[in-house]
């Protein structure tokens, strides 16, 4: 490895201080630090790279922040570049390593000793008559939902051209196994082991109580349409990008052929992470 990308949570003083130490360590190791634009401004250093472009320009990306910061790095092309997430936020399912693990994990990655965990993404395509289709990759989820004042949504869902159902609900979540512990979990969806090749479809507050979460093969092609026009309907990607939807739009979701590779600690199981993050087994005080 010669080029290391650096991204920090710019609103965190702790991440900023650790970011400065990281730049010093990379210089000591004679490695090139490629700093994305907002991070460069926070660290008072040179850098003019868009966050989404960063993984395709380096051999390793180090993220100092929470899961939201890491998700912002995974919207573009990954091209097999591993990502090391250091948790400077709160929950931290994706940024699983504590701050004190930064330099041991960095050295392990540089020396080829680090383990990686493949995380699948979804390719989301929005088709609107008269416009070119827009495509986006998501690591967690794609969500169709309404504003607080909008009426209940009527959505049709097809899988591999076959009608699954017409949902009346506040919205619908299409999540990866990685995203199963995000909005999907809050909406009553299942926790999925990260290496499963599946997609979970979870209705949000469905009008029909028999509309339950549905687990599909990752090779499925999902199509969603609004059956009736409703005001203030949005498609939200990984909780960070939002686009208004109309009855004319078609949302297609399928496997993204460019997955994410997260550097993980082989001494820590996924269940240990769940125990720590979700406080499983702890008794209320």
C-alpha atoms as a PDB file:
ATOM      1  CA  UNK A   1       0.000   0.000   0.000  1.00  0.00           C
ATOM      2  CA  UNK A   2       1.237   3.432  -0.925  1.00  0.00           C
ATOM      3  CA  UNK A   3      -1.792   5.729  -0.882  1.00  0.00           C
ATOM      4  CA  UNK A   4      -4.127   5.983   2.110  1.00  0.00           C
ATOM      5  CA  UNK A   5      -7.380   7.942   1.986  1.00  0.00           C
ATOM      6  CA  UNK A   6      -8.409   9.850   5.101  1.00  0.00           C
ATOM      7  CA  UNK A   7     -11.964  10.860   6.047  1.00  0.00           C
ATOM      8  CA  UNK A   8     -13.053  12.182   9.439  1.00  0.00           C
ATOM      9  CA  UNK A   9     -16.256  13.289  11.093  1.00  0.00           C
ATOM     10  CA  UNK A  10     -15.509  16.979  10.779  1.00  0.00           C
ATOM     11  CA  UNK A  11     -17.830  18.030  13.626  1.00  0.00           C
ATOM     12  CA  UNK A  12     -15.962  15.857  16.145  1.00  0.00           C
ATOM     13  CA  UNK A  13     -13.055  17.438  18.005  1.00  0.00           C
ATOM     14  CA  UNK A  14     -11.861  13.961  19.008  1.00  0.00           C
ATOM     15  CA  UNK A  15     -11.854  12.800  15.382  1.00  0.00           C
ATOM     16  CA  UNK A  16      -9.998  15.946  14.334  1.00  0.00           C
ATOM     17  CA  UNK A  17      -7.231  15.396  16.886  1.00  0.00           C
ATOM     18  CA  UNK A  18      -6.910  11.733  15.976  1.00  0.00           C
ATOM     19  CA  UNK A  19      -6.880  12.674  12.288  1.00  0.00           C
ATOM     20  CA  UNK A  20      -3.852  14.898  12.843  1.00  0.00           C
ATOM     21  CA  UNK A  21      -2.043  12.027  14.567  1.00  0.00           C
ATOM     22  CA  UNK A  22      -2.981   9.752  11.677  1.00  0.00           C
ATOM     23  CA  UNK A  23      -1.435  12.140   9.136  1.00  0.00           C
ATOM     24  CA  UNK A  24       1.758  12.245  11.208  1.00  0.00           C
ATOM     25  CA  UNK A  25       1.894   8.428  11.336  1.00  0.00           C
ATOM     26  CA  UNK A  26       1.332   8.106   7.576  1.00  0.00           C
ATOM     27  CA  UNK A  27       4.158  10.582   6.949  1.00  0.00           C
ATOM     28  CA  UNK A  28       6.421   8.608   9.320  1.00  0.00           C
ATOM     29  CA  UNK A  29       5.619   5.438   7.368  1.00  0.00           C
ATOM     30  CA  UNK A  30       6.411   7.245   4.099  1.00  0.00           C
ATOM     31  CA  UNK A  31       2.873   6.720   2.829  1.00  0.00           C
ATOM     32  CA  UNK A  32       0.903   9.232   0.749  1.00  0.00           C
ATOM     33  CA  UNK A  33      -2.137  10.605   2.583  1.00  0.00           C
ATOM     34  CA  UNK A  34      -5.003  11.465   0.221  1.00  0.00           C
ATOM     35  CA  UNK A  35      -7.372  13.667   2.220  1.00  0.00           C
ATOM     36  CA  UNK A  36     -10.923  14.346   1.055  1.00  0.00           C
ATOM     37  CA  UNK A  37     -12.025  17.949   0.733  1.00  0.00           C
ATOM     38  CA  UNK A  38     -14.045  18.510   3.939  1.00  0.00           C
ATOM     39  CA  UNK A  39     -11.544  16.569   6.019  1.00  0.00           C
ATOM     40  CA  UNK A  40      -8.675  18.622   4.614  1.00  0.00           C
ATOM     41  CA  UNK A  41     -10.391  21.836   5.701  1.00  0.00           C
ATOM     42  CA  UNK A  42     -10.936  20.477   9.231  1.00  0.00           C
ATOM     43  CA  UNK A  43      -7.313  19.283   9.508  1.00  0.00           C
ATOM     44  CA  UNK A  44      -5.896  22.420   7.892  1.00  0.00           C
ATOM     45  CA  UNK A  45      -4.058  20.448   5.228  1.00  0.00           C
ATOM     46  CA  UNK A  46      -4.099  19.992   1.465  1.00  0.00           C
ATOM     47  CA  UNK A  47      -6.826  17.927  -0.143  1.00  0.00           C
ATOM     48  CA  UNK A  48      -9.381  18.443  -2.890  1.00  0.00           C
ATOM     49  CA  UNK A  49     -10.868  14.989  -3.498  1.00  0.00           C
ATOM     50  CA  UNK A  50     -14.603  14.280  -3.438  1.00  0.00           C
ATOM     51  CA  UNK A  51     -15.543  11.782  -0.742  1.00  0.00           C
ATOM     52  CA  UNK A  52     -17.340   9.482  -3.185  1.00  0.00           C
ATOM     53  CA  UNK A  53     -14.296   9.344  -5.475  1.00  0.00           C
ATOM     54  CA  UNK A  54     -11.767   8.635  -2.732  1.00  0.00           C
ATOM     55  CA  UNK A  55     -11.877   4.781  -2.614  1.00  0.00           C
ATOM     56  CA  UNK A  56     -11.082   4.498  -6.328  1.00  0.00           C
ATOM     57  CA  UNK A  57      -7.960   6.662  -5.912  1.00  0.00           C
ATOM     58  CA  UNK A  58      -6.237   4.919  -2.988  1.00  0.00           C
ATOM     59  CA  UNK A  59      -5.169   1.510  -1.638  1.00  0.00           C
ATOM     60  CA  UNK A  60      -6.880   1.908   1.744  1.00  0.00           C
ATOM     61  CA  UNK A  61      -9.438   4.305   3.244  1.00  0.00           C
ATOM     62  CA  UNK A  62      -9.384   5.160   6.956  1.00  0.00           C
ATOM     63  CA  UNK A  63     -12.621   6.622   8.342  1.00  0.00           C
ATOM     64  CA  UNK A  64     -12.652   8.336  11.732  1.00  0.00           C
ATOM     65  CA  UNK A  65     -16.295   8.857  12.644  1.00  0.00           C
ATOM     66  CA  UNK A  66     -19.596   7.075  12.969  1.00  0.00           C
ATOM     67  CA  UNK A  67     -21.534   4.853  10.611  1.00  0.00           C
ATOM     68  CA  UNK A  68     -22.900   7.882   8.759  1.00  0.00           C
ATOM     69  CA  UNK A  69     -19.383   9.048   7.928  1.00  0.00           C
ATOM     70  CA  UNK A  70     -18.453   5.606   6.648  1.00  0.00           C
ATOM     71  CA  UNK A  71     -21.644   5.336   4.578  1.00  0.00           C
ATOM     72  CA  UNK A  72     -20.793   8.630   2.873  1.00  0.00           C
ATOM     73  CA  UNK A  73     -17.598   7.014   1.575  1.00  0.00           C
ATOM     74  CA  UNK A  74     -19.414   4.022   0.057  1.00  0.00           C
ATOM     75  CA  UNK A  75     -21.662   5.837  -2.443  1.00  0.00           C
ATOM     76  CA  UNK A  76     -19.223   5.699  -5.366  1.00  0.00           C
ATOM     77  CA  UNK A  77     -16.941   3.118  -6.940  1.00  0.00           C
ATOM     78  CA  UNK A  78     -15.050   0.959  -4.428  1.00  0.00           C
ATOM     79  CA  UNK A  79     -12.981  -1.225  -6.781  1.00  0.00           C
ATOM     80  CA  UNK A  80     -11.953  -3.565  -3.977  1.00  0.00           C
ATOM     81  CA  UNK A  81     -10.353  -0.881  -1.787  1.00  0.00           C
ATOM     82  CA  UNK A  82     -10.606  -1.927   1.904  1.00  0.00           C
ATOM     83  CA  UNK A  83     -12.093   0.510   4.412  1.00  0.00           C
ATOM     84  CA  UNK A  84     -10.969   0.773   8.032  1.00  0.00           C
ATOM     85  CA  UNK A  85     -13.681   2.310  10.206  1.00  0.00           C
ATOM     86  CA  UNK A  86     -12.739   3.784  13.593  1.00  0.00           C
ATOM     87  CA  UNK A  87     -15.741   4.578  15.769  1.00  0.00           C
ATOM     88  CA  UNK A  88     -15.859   8.205  16.871  1.00  0.00           C
ATOM     89  CA  UNK A  89     -19.654   8.266  16.972  1.00  0.00           C
ATOM     90  CA  UNK A  90     -22.255   6.475  19.074  1.00  0.00           C
ATOM     91  CA  UNK A  91     -23.509   3.054  17.918  1.00  0.00           C
ATOM     92  CA  UNK A  92     -20.931   2.105  15.309  1.00  0.00           C
ATOM     93  CA  UNK A  93     -21.951  -1.149  13.595  1.00  0.00           C
ATOM     94  CA  UNK A  94     -19.799  -0.361  10.549  1.00  0.00           C
ATOM     95  CA  UNK A  95     -17.084   1.602  12.331  1.00  0.00           C
ATOM     96  CA  UNK A  96     -16.540  -1.285  14.722  1.00  0.00           C
ATOM     97  CA  UNK A  97     -13.011  -0.473  15.970  1.00  0.00           C
ATOM     98  CA  UNK A  98     -12.403   1.809  18.985  1.00  0.00           C
ATOM     99  CA  UNK A  99     -10.043   4.773  18.698  1.00  0.00           C
ATOM    100  CA  UNK A 100      -7.215   2.967  20.491  1.00  0.00           C
ATOM    101  CA  UNK A 101      -7.224   0.308  17.753  1.00  0.00           C
ATOM    102  CA  UNK A 102      -6.446   2.783  14.958  1.00  0.00           C
ATOM    103  CA  UNK A 103      -2.693   2.329  14.719  1.00  0.00           C
ATOM    104  CA  UNK A 104      -2.560  -1.456  15.375  1.00  0.00           C
ATOM    105  CA  UNK A 105      -5.266  -1.994  12.728  1.00  0.00           C
ATOM    106  CA  UNK A 106      -3.591   0.478  10.339  1.00  0.00           C
ATOM    107  CA  UNK A 107      -0.266  -1.372  10.606  1.00  0.00           C
ATOM    108  CA  UNK A 108      -2.021  -4.716  10.127  1.00  0.00           C
ATOM    109  CA  UNK A 109      -3.699  -3.402   6.957  1.00  0.00           C
ATOM    110  CA  UNK A 110      -0.476  -1.964   5.554  1.00  0.00           C
ATOM    111  CA  UNK A 111       1.420  -5.185   6.271  1.00  0.00           C
ATOM    112  CA  UNK A 112      -1.289  -7.386   4.751  1.00  0.00           C
ATOM    113  CA  UNK A 113      -2.282  -8.983   8.057  1.00  0.00           C
ATOM    114  CA  UNK A 114      -5.786  -7.499   8.315  1.00  0.00           C
ATOM    115  CA  UNK A 115      -8.957  -9.480   7.642  1.00  0.00           C
ATOM    116  CA  UNK A 116     -11.702  -8.037   5.465  1.00  0.00           C
ATOM    117  CA  UNK A 117     -15.428  -8.736   5.423  1.00  0.00           C
ATOM    118  CA  UNK A 118     -17.287  -8.418   2.131  1.00  0.00           C
ATOM    119  CA  UNK A 119     -20.473  -6.354   2.394  1.00  0.00           C
ATOM    120  CA  UNK A 120     -22.898  -6.381  -0.525  1.00  0.00           C
ATOM    121  CA  UNK A 121     -24.457  -3.205  -1.881  1.00  0.00           C
ATOM    122  CA  UNK A 122     -27.663  -2.589  -3.821  1.00  0.00           C
ATOM    123  CA  UNK A 123     -27.892  -0.766  -7.142  1.00  0.00           C
ATOM    124  CA  UNK A 124     -30.887   1.582  -7.099  1.00  0.00           C
ATOM    125  CA  UNK A 125     -32.156   2.936 -10.421  1.00  0.00           C
ATOM    126  CA  UNK A 126     -34.878   5.588 -10.681  1.00  0.00           C
ATOM    127  CA  UNK A 127     -36.610   5.833 -14.051  1.00  0.00           C
ATOM    128  CA  UNK A 128     -38.654   8.918 -14.895  1.00  0.00           C
ATOM    129  CA  UNK A 129     -40.289   9.461 -18.304  1.00  0.00           C
ATOM    130  CA  UNK A 130     -38.378  12.030 -20.351  1.00  0.00           C
ATOM    131  CA  UNK A 131     -35.229  11.828 -18.219  1.00  0.00           C
ATOM    132  CA  UNK A 132     -32.133   9.685 -18.158  1.00  0.00           C
ATOM    133  CA  UNK A 133     -32.250   7.033 -15.418  1.00  0.00           C
ATOM    134  CA  UNK A 134     -30.349   7.901 -12.243  1.00  0.00           C
ATOM    135  CA  UNK A 135     -28.362   5.172 -10.507  1.00  0.00           C
ATOM    136  CA  UNK A 136     -26.980   4.951  -6.990  1.00  0.00           C
ATOM    137  CA  UNK A 137     -25.303   2.282  -4.848  1.00  0.00           C
ATOM    138  CA  UNK A 138     -26.344   1.822  -1.214  1.00  0.00           C
ATOM    139  CA  UNK A 139     -24.702  -0.192   1.536  1.00  0.00           C
ATOM    140  CA  UNK A 140     -27.592  -0.048   4.029  1.00  0.00           C
ATOM    141  CA  UNK A 141     -30.967   0.593   2.455  1.00  0.00           C
ATOM    142  CA  UNK A 142     -33.307   2.347   0.074  1.00  0.00           C
ATOM    143  CA  UNK A 143     -36.460   3.705   1.730  1.00  0.00           C
ATOM    144  CA  UNK A 144     -39.665   5.037   0.224  1.00  0.00           C
ATOM    145  CA  UNK A 145     -41.600   7.006   2.795  1.00  0.00           C
ATOM    146  CA  UNK A 146     -43.961   9.896   3.246  1.00  0.00           C
ATOM    147  CA  UNK A 147     -43.735  13.159   5.101  1.00  0.00           C
ATOM    148  CA  UNK A 148     -45.459  13.546   8.456  1.00  0.00           C
ATOM    149  CA  UNK A 149     -48.532  15.133   6.853  1.00  0.00           C
ATOM    150  CA  UNK A 150     -48.861  12.926   3.767  1.00  0.00           C
ATOM    151  CA  UNK A 151     -51.466  10.208   3.516  1.00  0.00           C
ATOM    152  CA  UNK A 152     -50.669   6.499   3.716  1.00  0.00           C
ATOM    153  CA  UNK A 153     -48.831   5.278   0.624  1.00  0.00           C
ATOM    154  CA  UNK A 154     -50.099   2.747  -1.882  1.00  0.00           C
ATOM    155  CA  UNK A 155     -47.106   0.883  -3.326  1.00  0.00           C
ATOM    156  CA  UNK A 156     -46.868  -2.055  -5.688  1.00  0.00           C
ATOM    157  CA  UNK A 157     -43.859  -4.345  -5.464  1.00  0.00           C
ATOM    158  CA  UNK A 158     -42.774  -6.789  -8.165  1.00  0.00           C
ATOM    159  CA  UNK A 159     -39.906  -9.280  -7.863  1.00  0.00           C
ATOM    160  CA  UNK A 160     -38.493 -10.723 -11.082  1.00  0.00           C
ATOM    161  CA  UNK A 161     -41.564  -9.304 -12.903  1.00  0.00           C
ATOM    162  CA  UNK A 162     -44.008 -11.146 -10.623  1.00  0.00           C
ATOM    163  CA  UNK A 163     -46.363  -9.139  -8.390  1.00  0.00           C
ATOM    164  CA  UNK A 164     -45.542  -9.644  -4.708  1.00  0.00           C
ATOM    165  CA  UNK A 165     -48.167  -7.370  -3.200  1.00  0.00           C
ATOM    166  CA  UNK A 166     -49.719  -3.950  -3.107  1.00  0.00           C
ATOM    167  CA  UNK A 167     -48.770  -2.364   0.177  1.00  0.00           C
ATOM    168  CA  UNK A 168     -50.692   0.301   2.099  1.00  0.00           C
ATOM    169  CA  UNK A 169     -48.169   1.606   4.585  1.00  0.00           C
ATOM    170  CA  UNK A 170     -46.197   4.625   5.741  1.00  0.00           C
ATOM    171  CA  UNK A 171     -43.367   3.393   3.544  1.00  0.00           C
ATOM    172  CA  UNK A 172     -41.152   0.519   2.516  1.00  0.00           C
ATOM    173  CA  UNK A 173     -37.537  -0.389   3.321  1.00  0.00           C
ATOM    174  CA  UNK A 174     -35.328  -2.430   0.999  1.00  0.00           C
ATOM    175  CA  UNK A 175     -32.244  -3.357   3.011  1.00  0.00           C
ATOM    176  CA  UNK A 176     -29.044  -5.359   2.720  1.00  0.00           C
ATOM    177  CA  UNK A 177     -27.894  -7.619   5.563  1.00  0.00           C
ATOM    178  CA  UNK A 178     -25.569  -4.764   6.560  1.00  0.00           C
ATOM    179  CA  UNK A 179     -28.557  -2.422   6.701  1.00  0.00           C
ATOM    180  CA  UNK A 180     -30.683  -4.900   8.644  1.00  0.00           C
ATOM    181  CA  UNK A 181     -29.475  -3.325  11.921  1.00  0.00           C
ATOM    182  CA  UNK A 182     -30.411   0.188  10.773  1.00  0.00           C
ATOM    183  CA  UNK A 183     -33.916   1.480   9.901  1.00  0.00           C
ATOM    184  CA  UNK A 184     -35.039  -2.082   9.120  1.00  0.00           C
ATOM    185  CA  UNK A 185     -34.475  -3.098  12.739  1.00  0.00           C
ATOM    186  CA  UNK A 186     -36.460  -0.113  14.041  1.00  0.00           C
ATOM    187  CA  UNK A 187     -39.346  -1.061  11.737  1.00  0.00           C
ATOM    188  CA  UNK A 188     -39.493  -4.613  13.090  1.00  0.00           C
ATOM    189  CA  UNK A 189     -37.401  -6.293  10.408  1.00  0.00           C
ATOM    190  CA  UNK A 190     -35.024  -9.190  11.119  1.00  0.00           C
ATOM    191  CA  UNK A 191     -31.318  -8.974  11.903  1.00  0.00           C
ATOM    192  CA  UNK A 192     -29.451 -10.720   9.086  1.00  0.00           C
ATOM    193  CA  UNK A 193     -25.932 -12.093   9.282  1.00  0.00           C
ATOM    194  CA  UNK A 194     -23.764  -9.765   7.140  1.00  0.00           C
ATOM    195  CA  UNK A 195     -22.493 -12.360   4.658  1.00  0.00           C
ATOM    196  CA  UNK A 196     -25.935 -13.645   3.653  1.00  0.00           C
ATOM    197  CA  UNK A 197     -26.713 -13.000  -0.024  1.00  0.00           C
ATOM    198  CA  UNK A 198     -30.229 -11.712   0.550  1.00  0.00           C
ATOM    199  CA  UNK A 199     -32.397  -8.581   0.478  1.00  0.00           C
ATOM    200  CA  UNK A 200     -35.069  -7.845   3.080  1.00  0.00           C
ATOM    201  CA  UNK A 201     -38.266  -5.937   2.194  1.00  0.00           C
ATOM    202  CA  UNK A 202     -39.858  -4.399   5.298  1.00  0.00           C
ATOM    203  CA  UNK A 203     -43.097  -2.355   5.277  1.00  0.00           C
ATOM    204  CA  UNK A 204     -43.252   0.619   7.640  1.00  0.00           C
ATOM    205  CA  UNK A 205     -46.433   0.614   9.748  1.00  0.00           C
ATOM    206  CA  UNK A 206     -48.467  -1.424   7.230  1.00  0.00           C
ATOM    207  CA  UNK A 207     -52.252  -0.955   7.187  1.00  0.00           C
ATOM    208  CA  UNK A 208     -52.624  -4.732   6.770  1.00  0.00           C
ATOM    209  CA  UNK A 209     -50.983  -6.451   9.709  1.00  0.00           C
ATOM    210  CA  UNK A 210     -50.292  -9.582   7.661  1.00  0.00           C
ATOM    211  CA  UNK A 211     -47.830  -7.585   5.507  1.00  0.00           C
ATOM    212  CA  UNK A 212     -44.642  -8.770   7.175  1.00  0.00           C
ATOM    213  CA  UNK A 213     -40.943  -8.448   6.249  1.00  0.00           C
ATOM    214  CA  UNK A 214     -39.941 -10.568   3.272  1.00  0.00           C
ATOM    215  CA  UNK A 215     -36.450 -11.980   2.653  1.00  0.00           C
ATOM    216  CA  UNK A 216     -35.411 -12.399  -0.997  1.00  0.00           C
ATOM    217  CA  UNK A 217     -32.379 -13.714  -2.839  1.00  0.00           C
ATOM    218  CA  UNK A 218     -29.743 -11.072  -3.545  1.00  0.00           C
ATOM    219  CA  UNK A 219     -30.070 -11.910  -7.243  1.00  0.00           C
ATOM    220  CA  UNK A 220     -33.716 -10.799  -7.192  1.00  0.00           C
ATOM    221  CA  UNK A 221     -34.768  -7.761  -9.203  1.00  0.00           C
ATOM    222  CA  UNK A 222     -37.198  -5.624  -7.229  1.00  0.00           C
ATOM    223  CA  UNK A 223     -39.467  -3.007  -8.825  1.00  0.00           C
ATOM    224  CA  UNK A 224     -41.520  -0.475  -6.868  1.00  0.00           C
ATOM    225  CA  UNK A 225     -44.163   2.016  -8.038  1.00  0.00           C
ATOM    226  CA  UNK A 226     -46.593   4.382  -6.398  1.00  0.00           C
ATOM    227  CA  UNK A 227     -50.134   3.175  -7.104  1.00  0.00           C
ATOM    228  CA  UNK A 228     -51.695   6.514  -6.181  1.00  0.00           C
ATOM    229  CA  UNK A 229     -50.193   9.969  -6.155  1.00  0.00           C
ATOM    230  CA  UNK A 230     -49.474  11.170  -2.637  1.00  0.00           C
ATOM    231  CA  UNK A 231     -47.925  14.437  -1.594  1.00  0.00           C
ATOM    232  CA  UNK A 232     -44.382  14.493  -0.216  1.00  0.00           C
ATOM    233  CA  UNK A 233     -43.114  11.035  -1.109  1.00  0.00           C
ATOM    234  CA  UNK A 234     -39.359  10.530  -0.944  1.00  0.00           C
ATOM    235  CA  UNK A 235     -36.787   7.933  -1.851  1.00  0.00           C
ATOM    236  CA  UNK A 236     -33.984   8.044   0.720  1.00  0.00           C
ATOM    237  CA  UNK A 237     -30.681   6.253   0.173  1.00  0.00           C
ATOM    238  CA  UNK A 238     -28.636   5.196   3.208  1.00  0.00           C
ATOM    239  CA  UNK A 239     -30.385   7.954   5.154  1.00  0.00           C
ATOM    240  CA  UNK A 240     -28.218  10.563   3.401  1.00  0.00           C
ATOM    241  CA  UNK A 241     -29.548  11.273  -0.088  1.00  0.00           C
ATOM    242  CA  UNK A 242     -33.202  12.071  -0.761  1.00  0.00           C
ATOM    243  CA  UNK A 243     -35.194  12.363  -3.984  1.00  0.00           C
ATOM    244  CA  UNK A 244     -38.904  13.178  -4.458  1.00  0.00           C
ATOM    245  CA  UNK A 245     -40.979  10.490  -6.171  1.00  0.00           C
ATOM    246  CA  UNK A 246     -44.115  10.766  -8.296  1.00  0.00           C
ATOM    247  CA  UNK A 247     -46.570   8.222  -9.645  1.00  0.00           C
ATOM    248  CA  UNK A 248     -44.644   8.240 -12.938  1.00  0.00           C
ATOM    249  CA  UNK A 249     -41.394   7.040 -11.369  1.00  0.00           C
ATOM    250  CA  UNK A 250     -40.210   3.438 -11.263  1.00  0.00           C
ATOM    251  CA  UNK A 251     -37.635   2.389  -8.661  1.00  0.00           C
ATOM    252  CA  UNK A 252     -35.619  -0.704  -9.574  1.00  0.00           C
ATOM    253  CA  UNK A 253     -33.315  -2.429  -7.116  1.00  0.00           C
ATOM    254  CA  UNK A 254     -30.822  -5.203  -7.778  1.00  0.00           C
ATOM    255  CA  UNK A 255     -27.420  -6.417  -6.684  1.00  0.00           C
ATOM    256  CA  UNK A 256     -24.535  -3.977  -7.059  1.00  0.00           C
ATOM    257  CA  UNK A 257     -21.552  -5.761  -8.602  1.00  0.00           C
ATOM    258  CA  UNK A 258     -19.084  -3.567  -6.691  1.00  0.00           C
ATOM    259  CA  UNK A 259     -19.202  -4.604  -2.997  1.00  0.00           C
ATOM    260  CA  UNK A 260     -17.587  -2.950   0.018  1.00  0.00           C
ATOM    261  CA  UNK A 261     -14.719  -4.555   1.945  1.00  0.00           C
ATOM    262  CA  UNK A 262     -14.565  -3.573   5.614  1.00  0.00           C
ATOM    263  CA  UNK A 263     -11.457  -4.327   7.667  1.00  0.00           C
ATOM    264  CA  UNK A 264     -12.512  -6.401  10.645  1.00  0.00           C
ATOM    265  CA  UNK A 265     -10.938  -7.842  13.771  1.00  0.00           C
ATOM    266  CA  UNK A 266     -10.791 -11.625  13.302  1.00  0.00           C
ATOM    267  CA  UNK A 267     -10.715 -11.993  17.088  1.00  0.00           C
ATOM    268  CA  UNK A 268     -14.176 -10.405  17.415  1.00  0.00           C
ATOM    269  CA  UNK A 269     -17.301 -12.187  16.154  1.00  0.00           C
ATOM    270  CA  UNK A 270     -20.361 -10.469  14.710  1.00  0.00           C
ATOM    271  CA  UNK A 271     -22.349 -11.707  17.696  1.00  0.00           C
ATOM    272  CA  UNK A 272     -19.933  -9.983  20.056  1.00  0.00           C
ATOM    273  CA  UNK A 273     -20.604  -6.765  18.157  1.00  0.00           C
ATOM    274  CA  UNK A 274     -24.366  -7.293  18.510  1.00  0.00           C
ATOM    275  CA  UNK A 275     -23.987  -7.977  22.229  1.00  0.00           C
ATOM    276  CA  UNK A 276     -21.999  -4.783  22.697  1.00  0.00           C
ATOM    277  CA  UNK A 277     -23.973  -2.469  20.429  1.00  0.00           C
ATOM    278  CA  UNK A 278     -27.485  -3.745  21.215  1.00  0.00           C
ATOM    279  CA  UNK A 279     -26.687  -4.511  24.857  1.00  0.00           C
ATOM    280  CA  UNK A 280     -27.981  -8.066  24.560  1.00  0.00           C
ATOM    281  CA  UNK A 281     -27.996  -9.929  27.847  1.00  0.00           C
ATOM    282  CA  UNK A 282     -27.882  -6.765  29.962  1.00  0.00           C
ATOM    283  CA  UNK A 283     -30.537  -6.312  32.601  1.00  0.00           C
ATOM    284  CA  UNK A 284     -32.319  -3.000  32.974  1.00  0.00           C
ATOM    285  CA  UNK A 285     -31.471  -0.974  36.051  1.00  0.00           C
END
